[in-house]
Amino acid sequence: MNAVCLQVFVSEASRHHGKLTYEWLLDAAQGVGIGGGSAFRAVAGFGRHGRHDASFFELAGDLPVVVEFFVEEAMAERLLKVVAEAGLKLVYAKLPAEIGVTA
């Protein structure tokens, strides 16, 4: 199946309506019919808000989390619409992907 890999980047401690944003995204994806997704916590990273490293205790909770889905293009667009309608402004990447099962 030809699909896309939709990656949404959030801060580990960010919240939306009282729920961790990555948990909210997983729930929203399930709500629109996406069959599965995962959230991955980074050990280090940098971006527009500076550098973040898991070795610094004071930065705990400020590391990037990538929420990732492998879906058809239309389903990715549907989820992004739900995110926008919820008022969230999140960075995302949409990459071509091929999904299969080894023989």
N, C-alpha and C. Protein backbone atom coordinates (compact mmCIF):
# COMPACT_ATOMS: atom_id res chain seq x y z
N MET A 1 0.84 -1.18 0.00
CA MET A 1 0.00 0.00 0.00
C MET A 1 0.89 1.24 0.00
N ASN A 2 0.61 2.16 -0.89
CA ASN A 2 1.32 3.44 -0.88
C ASN A 2 0.64 4.36 0.11
N ALA A 3 1.44 5.00 0.91
CA ALA A 3 0.90 5.83 1.99
C ALA A 3 1.86 6.97 2.27
N VAL A 4 1.59 7.67 3.35
CA VAL A 4 2.50 8.70 3.84
C VAL A 4 2.82 8.40 5.30
N CYS A 5 3.99 8.88 5.70
CA CYS A 5 4.36 8.86 7.10
C CYS A 5 4.11 10.28 7.60
N LEU A 6 3.13 10.45 8.45
CA LEU A 6 2.82 11.75 9.03
C LEU A 6 3.48 11.82 10.40
N GLN A 7 4.40 12.77 10.56
CA GLN A 7 5.08 12.98 11.82
C GLN A 7 4.68 14.35 12.35
N VAL A 8 4.23 14.38 13.59
CA VAL A 8 3.85 15.64 14.23
C VAL A 8 4.78 15.83 15.42
N PHE A 9 5.35 17.03 15.53
CA PHE A 9 6.36 17.31 16.56
C PHE A 9 5.75 18.18 17.65
N VAL A 10 5.88 17.72 18.89
CA VAL A 10 5.35 18.46 20.03
C VAL A 10 6.38 18.46 21.16
N SER A 11 6.19 19.33 22.11
CA SER A 11 7.01 19.33 23.31
C SER A 11 6.44 18.28 24.27
N GLU A 12 7.31 17.61 24.95
CA GLU A 12 6.92 16.52 25.85
C GLU A 12 5.87 16.95 26.88
N ALA A 13 5.98 18.13 27.42
CA ALA A 13 5.09 18.57 28.48
C ALA A 13 3.92 19.42 27.99
N SER A 14 3.85 19.70 26.68
CA SER A 14 2.77 20.57 26.20
C SER A 14 1.42 19.88 26.37
N ARG A 15 0.42 20.71 26.63
CA ARG A 15 -0.93 20.20 26.88
C ARG A 15 -1.94 20.90 26.01
N HIS A 16 -3.02 20.17 25.72
CA HIS A 16 -4.16 20.72 25.00
C HIS A 16 -5.42 20.25 25.72
N HIS A 17 -6.20 21.18 26.21
CA HIS A 17 -7.40 20.88 26.99
C HIS A 17 -7.10 19.94 28.16
N GLY A 18 -6.00 20.21 28.86
CA GLY A 18 -5.65 19.45 30.05
C GLY A 18 -5.00 18.11 29.81
N LYS A 19 -4.83 17.72 28.56
CA LYS A 19 -4.24 16.43 28.23
C LYS A 19 -2.90 16.67 27.54
N LEU A 20 -1.93 15.80 27.78
CA LEU A 20 -0.66 15.92 27.07
C LEU A 20 -0.95 15.94 25.57
N THR A 21 -0.29 16.85 24.85
CA THR A 21 -0.61 17.03 23.43
C THR A 21 -0.39 15.76 22.64
N TYR A 22 0.66 15.00 22.94
CA TYR A 22 0.87 13.77 22.18
C TYR A 22 -0.23 12.75 22.45
N GLU A 23 -0.76 12.73 23.67
CA GLU A 23 -1.89 11.84 23.97
C GLU A 23 -3.15 12.32 23.24
N TRP A 24 -3.35 13.65 23.22
CA TRP A 24 -4.49 14.23 22.51
C TRP A 24 -4.43 13.85 21.03
N LEU A 25 -3.23 13.94 20.43
CA LEU A 25 -3.07 13.58 19.02
C LEU A 25 -3.40 12.11 18.75
N LEU A 26 -2.92 11.24 19.61
CA LEU A 26 -3.23 9.82 19.45
C LEU A 26 -4.73 9.57 19.55
N ASP A 27 -5.39 10.23 20.50
CA ASP A 27 -6.84 10.09 20.65
C ASP A 27 -7.57 10.66 19.43
N ALA A 28 -7.12 11.81 18.94
CA ALA A 28 -7.75 12.42 17.77
C ALA A 28 -7.59 11.53 16.54
N ALA A 29 -6.43 10.93 16.38
CA ALA A 29 -6.19 10.03 15.26
C ALA A 29 -7.11 8.82 15.33
N GLN A 30 -7.24 8.27 16.51
CA GLN A 30 -8.14 7.13 16.68
C GLN A 30 -9.58 7.55 16.38
N GLY A 31 -9.92 8.77 16.78
CA GLY A 31 -11.27 9.28 16.54
C GLY A 31 -11.62 9.46 15.08
N VAL A 32 -10.63 9.74 14.23
CA VAL A 32 -10.91 9.89 12.79
C VAL A 32 -10.74 8.58 12.04
N GLY A 33 -10.42 7.50 12.75
CA GLY A 33 -10.36 6.19 12.12
C GLY A 33 -8.98 5.70 11.74
N ILE A 34 -7.93 6.37 12.19
CA ILE A 34 -6.58 5.89 11.92
C ILE A 34 -6.34 4.65 12.77
N GLY A 35 -5.79 3.62 12.15
CA GLY A 35 -5.65 2.32 12.79
C GLY A 35 -4.54 2.21 13.82
N GLY A 36 -3.58 3.13 13.82
CA GLY A 36 -2.49 3.04 14.79
C GLY A 36 -1.56 4.22 14.68
N GLY A 37 -0.86 4.48 15.75
CA GLY A 37 0.11 5.57 15.80
C GLY A 37 1.00 5.37 17.00
N SER A 38 2.13 6.05 17.00
CA SER A 38 3.08 5.93 18.10
C SER A 38 3.67 7.29 18.44
N ALA A 39 4.05 7.44 19.70
CA ALA A 39 4.73 8.64 20.16
C ALA A 39 6.13 8.24 20.62
N PHE A 40 7.13 8.97 20.13
CA PHE A 40 8.53 8.68 20.45
C PHE A 40 9.15 9.89 21.12
N ARG A 41 9.72 9.70 22.30
CA ARG A 41 10.39 10.78 23.03
C ARG A 41 11.85 10.83 22.61
N ALA A 42 12.32 12.01 22.30
CA ALA A 42 13.71 12.20 21.91
C ALA A 42 14.61 12.20 23.14
N VAL A 43 15.87 11.85 22.94
CA VAL A 43 16.85 11.96 24.02
C VAL A 43 17.57 13.30 23.96
N ALA A 44 17.52 13.95 22.79
CA ALA A 44 18.10 15.27 22.63
C ALA A 44 17.56 15.87 21.34
N GLY A 45 17.65 17.17 21.24
CA GLY A 45 17.22 17.83 20.02
C GLY A 45 17.44 19.32 20.10
N PHE A 46 17.26 19.99 18.97
CA PHE A 46 17.30 21.44 18.96
C PHE A 46 16.34 21.94 17.89
N GLY A 47 15.90 23.14 18.06
CA GLY A 47 14.97 23.74 17.13
C GLY A 47 14.81 25.21 17.44
N ARG A 48 13.67 25.76 17.06
CA ARG A 48 13.48 27.20 17.22
C ARG A 48 13.50 27.65 18.68
N HIS A 49 13.31 26.73 19.61
CA HIS A 49 13.32 27.08 21.03
C HIS A 49 14.63 26.70 21.72
N GLY A 50 15.66 26.39 20.93
CA GLY A 50 16.96 26.08 21.50
C GLY A 50 17.25 24.60 21.55
N ARG A 51 18.30 24.25 22.28
CA ARG A 51 18.74 22.86 22.41
C ARG A 51 18.15 22.25 23.67
N HIS A 52 17.82 20.96 23.56
CA HIS A 52 17.24 20.21 24.68
C HIS A 52 17.98 18.88 24.78
N ASP A 53 18.33 18.51 25.99
CA ASP A 53 19.10 17.30 26.20
C ASP A 53 18.59 16.59 27.45
N ALA A 54 18.37 15.29 27.35
CA ALA A 54 17.83 14.52 28.47
C ALA A 54 18.78 14.46 29.66
N SER A 55 20.05 14.79 29.47
CA SER A 55 20.98 14.69 30.58
C SER A 55 20.87 15.86 31.55
N PHE A 56 20.18 16.89 31.18
CA PHE A 56 19.98 18.04 32.07
C PHE A 56 18.65 17.89 32.78
N PHE A 57 18.68 17.68 34.08
CA PHE A 57 17.46 17.45 34.85
C PHE A 57 16.47 18.59 34.72
N GLU A 58 16.98 19.83 34.67
CA GLU A 58 16.08 20.98 34.62
C GLU A 58 15.29 21.06 33.30
N LEU A 59 15.71 20.31 32.28
CA LEU A 59 14.99 20.32 31.02
C LEU A 59 14.00 19.16 30.90
N ALA A 60 13.88 18.37 31.95
CA ALA A 60 12.94 17.26 31.92
C ALA A 60 11.56 17.79 31.57
N GLY A 61 10.89 17.14 30.65
CA GLY A 61 9.57 17.57 30.23
C GLY A 61 9.59 18.53 29.05
N ASP A 62 10.79 18.95 28.62
CA ASP A 62 10.88 19.92 27.53
C ASP A 62 11.47 19.30 26.27
N LEU A 63 11.61 17.99 26.24
CA LEU A 63 12.18 17.33 25.08
C LEU A 63 11.13 17.15 23.98
N PRO A 64 11.58 17.02 22.73
CA PRO A 64 10.64 16.81 21.64
C PRO A 64 10.03 15.41 21.69
N VAL A 65 8.80 15.32 21.25
CA VAL A 65 8.11 14.05 21.05
C VAL A 65 7.63 14.04 19.60
N VAL A 66 7.88 12.95 18.91
CA VAL A 66 7.38 12.78 17.55
C VAL A 66 6.21 11.81 17.61
N VAL A 67 5.06 12.24 17.11
CA VAL A 67 3.89 11.37 17.03
C VAL A 67 3.77 10.98 15.56
N GLU A 68 3.77 9.68 15.30
CA GLU A 68 3.93 9.20 13.93
C GLU A 68 2.80 8.25 13.53
N PHE A 69 2.35 8.45 12.29
CA PHE A 69 1.28 7.63 11.72
C PHE A 69 1.65 7.25 10.29
N PHE A 70 1.38 6.02 9.89
CA PHE A 70 1.49 5.59 8.50
C PHE A 70 0.07 5.40 7.99
N VAL A 71 -0.34 6.30 7.09
CA VAL A 71 -1.73 6.33 6.65
C VAL A 71 -1.81 6.73 5.18
N GLU A 72 -2.99 6.58 4.60
CA GLU A 72 -3.23 7.10 3.26
C GLU A 72 -3.27 8.63 3.33
N GLU A 73 -2.92 9.27 2.24
CA GLU A 73 -2.84 10.73 2.18
C GLU A 73 -4.13 11.41 2.68
N ALA A 74 -5.27 10.90 2.27
CA ALA A 74 -6.55 11.50 2.66
C ALA A 74 -6.76 11.46 4.18
N MET A 75 -6.32 10.38 4.80
CA MET A 75 -6.48 10.25 6.25
C MET A 75 -5.53 11.21 6.97
N ALA A 76 -4.34 11.40 6.43
CA ALA A 76 -3.39 12.36 7.01
C ALA A 76 -3.99 13.77 6.95
N GLU A 77 -4.57 14.12 5.82
CA GLU A 77 -5.20 15.43 5.68
C GLU A 77 -6.38 15.59 6.64
N ARG A 78 -7.12 14.53 6.83
CA ARG A 78 -8.25 14.57 7.77
C ARG A 78 -7.78 14.86 9.19
N LEU A 79 -6.71 14.19 9.61
CA LEU A 79 -6.17 14.43 10.95
C LEU A 79 -5.63 15.85 11.08
N LEU A 80 -4.90 16.32 10.07
CA LEU A 80 -4.37 17.68 10.11
C LEU A 80 -5.49 18.72 10.19
N LYS A 81 -6.60 18.45 9.56
CA LYS A 81 -7.76 19.35 9.64
C LYS A 81 -8.31 19.38 11.06
N VAL A 82 -8.42 18.23 11.70
CA VAL A 82 -8.89 18.16 13.08
C VAL A 82 -7.95 18.94 14.00
N VAL A 83 -6.64 18.80 13.78
CA VAL A 83 -5.65 19.52 14.58
C VAL A 83 -5.82 21.03 14.40
N ALA A 84 -5.97 21.47 13.17
CA ALA A 84 -6.15 22.90 12.90
C ALA A 84 -7.44 23.42 13.51
N GLU A 85 -8.53 22.66 13.40
CA GLU A 85 -9.82 23.07 13.96
C GLU A 85 -9.77 23.15 15.48
N ALA A 86 -8.86 22.39 16.10
CA ALA A 86 -8.70 22.42 17.55
C ALA A 86 -7.86 23.62 17.99
N GLY A 87 -7.34 24.38 17.03
CA GLY A 87 -6.56 25.56 17.36
C GLY A 87 -5.10 25.29 17.64
N LEU A 88 -4.63 24.11 17.33
CA LEU A 88 -3.22 23.77 17.54
C LEU A 88 -2.40 24.17 16.33
N LYS A 89 -1.24 24.77 16.58
CA LYS A 89 -0.30 25.10 15.51
C LYS A 89 0.94 24.26 15.75
N LEU A 90 1.03 23.14 15.06
CA LEU A 90 2.10 22.18 15.27
C LEU A 90 2.91 21.98 14.00
N VAL A 91 4.18 21.73 14.17
CA VAL A 91 5.05 21.41 13.05
C VAL A 91 4.84 19.94 12.69
N TYR A 92 4.75 19.67 11.38
CA TYR A 92 4.59 18.29 10.94
C TYR A 92 5.41 18.05 9.68
N ALA A 93 5.65 16.77 9.40
CA ALA A 93 6.29 16.34 8.17
C ALA A 93 5.43 15.24 7.58
N LYS A 94 5.28 15.28 6.27
CA LYS A 94 4.52 14.24 5.56
C LYS A 94 5.45 13.68 4.50
N LEU A 95 5.82 12.42 4.66
CA LEU A 95 6.81 11.79 3.78
C LEU A 95 6.19 10.60 3.06
N PRO A 96 6.57 10.38 1.81
CA PRO A 96 6.06 9.20 1.11
C PRO A 96 6.52 7.93 1.82
N ALA A 97 5.64 6.96 1.86
CA ALA A 97 5.98 5.69 2.53
C ALA A 97 5.35 4.53 1.79
N GLU A 98 6.00 3.40 1.86
CA GLU A 98 5.44 2.15 1.34
C GLU A 98 5.26 1.22 2.51
N ILE A 99 4.08 0.67 2.64
CA ILE A 99 3.79 -0.24 3.76
C ILE A 99 3.61 -1.64 3.20
N GLY A 100 4.22 -2.60 3.84
CA GLY A 100 4.10 -3.98 3.38
C GLY A 100 4.40 -4.94 4.51
N VAL A 101 4.33 -6.20 4.19
CA VAL A 101 4.63 -7.27 5.14
C VAL A 101 5.65 -8.17 4.47
N THR A 102 6.70 -8.54 5.19
CA THR A 102 7.71 -9.43 4.62
C THR A 102 7.13 -10.82 4.43
N ALA A 103 7.64 -11.50 3.46
CA ALA A 103 7.13 -12.86 3.14
C ALA A 103 7.77 -13.89 4.03
